[in-house]
Amino acid sequence: MKKLFLLTLILFAVKLIQAQEMKPGNNLLSIGIGPSAGYWGTYSGGTPAFRIAFDHGLKEIGPGTFSIGGALGFFNKYYKSYYWDHNGNIHNYKWSYNYISAVVRGGYYYNLSEVGIPDMNAYGGLGMGLLYLSFKDTYDGPYDGYSSYDYSGADFLFNFYLGANYFFNDKTAAYLEFGYDISYVTIGVTFKLK
């Protein structure tokens, strides 16, 4: 019971701290992680999607602030399996994908203190950049029509996003963001640098 009371007291004290809103001149650095499946279907392993984003408050418009910034992301996926050749011998193969995204973005932060929720802001926006893919296909034996090869290239990436920050204090927030760049959903920590 004492632990529950202490936890309630801490949470109440945290709620009393006046959280900072996104204002012109503010800089937010967000570091997050998200699922990386869904780009190429099944896989054997790899990394989750890692993402870092930066937003700078430019101009106050209505109950919020217009921002400009950018985001970088990365993940790796691989698929391992085997096959039999015409002589009945078993051979291994591996497909490996590396994705890197880089976008510039413009958004709008709506400060929810306008509706009585001072610890949160909601945001959304659009961006554009590049999605770089490197692909390596490795076979360790002969098979009709298959050989090892490498590929790399970049495609134009049009990015949209929608998210929210919940501030624990005036410098640190948790965030959840939906959108399309390196992952469809990202969760992480936001640091207010100024």
Protein backbone atom coordinates (compact mmCIF):
# COMPACT_ATOMS: atom_id res chain seq x y z
CA MET A 1 0.00 0.00 0.00
CA LYS A 2 2.89 2.35 0.80
CA LYS A 3 4.38 1.73 -2.65
CA LEU A 4 1.06 2.52 -4.33
CA PHE A 5 0.74 5.72 -2.31
CA LEU A 6 4.32 6.73 -3.17
CA LEU A 7 3.74 6.02 -6.87
CA THR A 8 0.53 8.08 -6.82
CA LEU A 9 2.33 10.93 -5.07
CA ILE A 10 5.17 10.88 -7.63
CA LEU A 11 2.73 10.87 -10.55
CA PHE A 12 0.78 13.74 -9.00
CA ALA A 13 4.01 15.73 -8.50
CA VAL A 14 5.01 15.09 -12.12
CA LYS A 15 1.60 16.36 -13.27
CA LEU A 16 2.13 19.61 -11.33
CA ILE A 17 5.26 20.41 -13.31
CA GLN A 18 4.40 22.84 -16.07
CA ALA A 19 5.46 21.07 -19.23
CA GLN A 20 6.95 23.08 -22.05
CA GLU A 21 5.10 23.52 -25.32
CA MET A 22 6.54 23.75 -28.81
CA LYS A 23 7.24 27.44 -29.40
CA PRO A 24 9.25 29.37 -32.01
CA GLY A 25 12.95 28.79 -31.37
CA ASN A 26 12.44 25.45 -29.61
CA ASN A 27 14.45 22.44 -30.78
CA LEU A 28 13.18 18.90 -30.26
CA LEU A 29 15.41 15.83 -30.77
CA SER A 30 13.54 12.52 -30.92
CA ILE A 31 15.11 9.06 -30.77
CA GLY A 32 12.85 6.10 -31.44
CA ILE A 33 12.40 2.52 -32.47
CA GLY A 34 9.70 0.76 -34.44
CA PRO A 35 8.90 -2.48 -36.23
CA SER A 36 10.63 -2.97 -39.55
CA ALA A 37 8.49 -5.80 -40.95
CA GLY A 38 6.06 -5.12 -43.73
CA TYR A 39 8.46 -3.87 -46.38
CA TRP A 40 9.31 -7.26 -47.89
CA GLY A 41 7.11 -9.80 -46.09
CA THR A 42 8.72 -12.73 -44.29
CA TYR A 43 12.21 -12.64 -42.86
CA SER A 44 14.50 -14.68 -40.62
CA GLY A 45 15.99 -11.86 -38.63
CA GLY A 46 17.34 -8.36 -38.59
CA THR A 47 17.08 -5.16 -36.62
CA PRO A 48 14.10 -3.05 -35.65
CA ALA A 49 13.79 0.32 -37.34
CA PHE A 50 15.91 2.96 -35.60
CA ARG A 51 15.05 6.60 -36.13
CA ILE A 52 16.30 10.01 -35.07
CA ALA A 53 14.36 13.19 -35.85
CA PHE A 54 14.93 16.89 -35.26
CA ASP A 55 12.27 19.62 -35.32
CA HIS A 56 12.79 23.37 -34.94
CA GLY A 57 9.88 25.66 -34.06
CA LEU A 58 9.65 28.47 -36.63
CA LYS A 59 6.45 30.46 -36.32
CA GLU A 60 3.48 30.49 -34.00
CA ILE A 61 0.25 30.08 -35.96
CA GLY A 62 -2.99 29.96 -33.98
CA PRO A 63 -2.82 27.53 -31.05
CA GLY A 64 0.38 25.89 -32.30
CA THR A 65 3.72 26.27 -33.98
CA PHE A 66 4.93 25.54 -37.51
CA SER A 67 8.16 23.52 -37.51
CA ILE A 68 10.84 22.41 -39.93
CA GLY A 69 13.26 19.55 -39.46
CA GLY A 70 14.46 16.22 -40.67
CA ALA A 71 14.67 12.53 -39.86
CA LEU A 72 17.13 9.69 -40.46
CA GLY A 73 16.30 6.01 -40.14
CA PHE A 74 17.83 2.56 -40.61
CA PHE A 75 16.93 -1.11 -40.48
CA ASN A 76 18.27 -4.43 -41.73
CA LYS A 77 16.43 -7.62 -42.66
CA TYR A 78 17.71 -10.97 -43.81
CA TYR A 79 16.21 -14.23 -44.92
CA LYS A 80 18.11 -17.52 -44.74
CA SER A 81 17.09 -20.80 -46.30
CA TYR A 82 18.42 -23.69 -48.35
CA TYR A 83 17.76 -25.49 -51.60
CA TRP A 84 18.62 -28.75 -53.32
CA ASP A 85 20.48 -28.89 -56.60
CA HIS A 86 19.75 -31.43 -59.37
CA ASN A 87 22.14 -33.92 -57.75
CA GLY A 88 20.33 -33.80 -54.39
CA ASN A 89 22.99 -31.67 -52.64
CA ILE A 90 21.80 -29.07 -50.15
CA HIS A 91 23.01 -25.47 -50.55
CA ASN A 92 22.40 -22.35 -48.45
CA TYR A 93 21.29 -18.91 -49.55
CA LYS A 94 20.78 -15.61 -47.80
CA TRP A 95 19.02 -12.42 -48.83
CA SER A 96 20.02 -9.30 -46.93
CA TYR A 97 18.32 -5.87 -47.13
CA ASN A 98 19.56 -2.61 -45.62
CA TYR A 99 17.26 0.42 -45.65
CA ILE A 100 18.32 3.98 -44.89
CA SER A 101 15.88 6.89 -45.02
CA ALA A 102 16.66 10.61 -44.97
CA VAL A 103 13.85 13.18 -45.12
CA VAL A 104 13.34 16.89 -44.57
CA ARG A 105 9.97 17.70 -43.12
CA GLY A 106 7.64 20.51 -42.20
CA GLY A 107 4.97 20.14 -39.57
CA TYR A 108 2.54 21.78 -37.20
CA TYR A 109 2.59 21.24 -33.43
CA TYR A 110 -0.77 21.81 -31.78
CA ASN A 111 -0.23 22.72 -28.13
CA LEU A 112 -2.94 20.85 -26.25
CA SER A 113 -2.68 23.28 -23.32
CA GLU A 114 -5.23 25.25 -25.35
CA VAL A 115 -7.78 22.54 -24.46
CA GLY A 116 -6.59 21.93 -20.89
CA ILE A 117 -3.89 19.27 -21.44
CA PRO A 118 -0.61 21.13 -20.75
CA ASP A 119 1.60 18.02 -20.77
CA MET A 120 0.89 17.04 -24.39
CA ASN A 121 1.12 18.28 -27.90
CA ALA A 122 -0.06 16.67 -31.09
CA TYR A 123 1.70 17.16 -34.39
CA GLY A 124 1.58 16.21 -38.01
CA GLY A 125 3.21 17.10 -41.27
CA LEU A 126 4.73 16.20 -44.60
CA GLY A 127 8.25 15.50 -45.76
CA MET A 128 10.30 14.35 -48.69
CA GLY A 129 13.64 12.68 -49.12
CA LEU A 130 15.29 9.45 -50.17
CA LEU A 131 14.91 5.80 -49.23
CA TYR A 132 18.16 3.97 -49.97
CA LEU A 133 18.15 0.18 -50.34
CA SER A 134 21.11 -2.15 -50.58
CA PHE A 135 20.35 -5.78 -51.34
CA LYS A 136 22.73 -8.72 -51.30
CA ASP A 137 21.76 -12.18 -52.49
CA THR A 138 24.24 -14.96 -51.68
CA TYR A 139 24.13 -18.59 -52.83
CA ASP A 140 26.81 -21.12 -51.87
CA GLY A 141 26.19 -23.60 -54.68
CA PRO A 142 25.11 -23.91 -58.27
CA TYR A 143 21.46 -23.89 -59.28
CA ASP A 144 19.86 -23.18 -62.62
CA GLY A 145 19.19 -19.49 -63.03
CA TYR A 146 20.54 -18.42 -59.60
CA SER A 147 23.77 -16.61 -58.82
CA SER A 148 24.93 -14.24 -56.10
CA TYR A 149 24.49 -10.53 -56.78
CA ASP A 150 24.39 -7.12 -55.13
CA TYR A 151 22.07 -4.20 -55.78
CA SER A 152 21.82 -0.73 -54.34
CA GLY A 153 19.79 2.31 -55.24
CA ALA A 154 17.67 5.13 -53.90
CA ASP A 155 14.04 6.06 -54.46
CA PHE A 156 12.19 9.30 -53.81
CA LEU A 157 10.32 9.14 -50.51
CA PHE A 158 7.19 11.19 -49.80
CA ASN A 159 6.63 11.17 -46.04
CA PHE A 160 3.57 11.94 -43.94
CA TYR A 161 3.42 11.69 -40.17
CA LEU A 162 1.10 12.17 -37.22
CA GLY A 163 2.14 11.90 -33.58
CA ALA A 164 1.98 13.12 -30.00
CA ASN A 165 4.46 14.03 -27.25
CA TYR A 166 3.74 13.55 -23.54
CA PHE A 167 6.10 15.65 -21.42
CA PHE A 168 7.26 14.26 -18.07
CA ASN A 169 9.11 17.49 -17.31
CA ASP A 170 10.17 20.59 -19.23
CA LYS A 171 12.98 18.76 -21.09
CA THR A 172 11.84 15.16 -21.67
CA ALA A 173 8.82 13.60 -23.36
CA ALA A 174 7.70 10.22 -24.60
CA TYR A 175 6.42 10.16 -28.16
CA LEU A 176 4.37 7.96 -30.45
CA GLU A 177 4.41 8.68 -34.17
CA PHE A 178 2.60 7.10 -37.11
CA GLY A 179 3.66 7.67 -40.68
CA TYR A 180 5.73 6.42 -43.54
CA ASP A 181 9.47 6.73 -43.73
CA ILE A 182 11.46 3.93 -42.06
CA SER A 183 8.64 2.42 -39.97
CA TYR A 184 4.88 2.81 -39.89
CA VAL A 185 4.93 3.41 -36.13
CA THR A 186 7.73 4.71 -33.90
CA ILE A 187 7.89 5.03 -30.13
CA GLY A 188 10.64 6.79 -28.25
CA VAL A 189 11.92 9.73 -26.24
CA THR A 190 11.98 13.41 -27.19
CA PHE A 191 14.48 15.84 -25.68
CA LYS A 192 13.86 19.56 -25.69
CA LEU A 193 17.21 21.16 -26.44
CA LYS A 194 16.04 24.77 -26.12
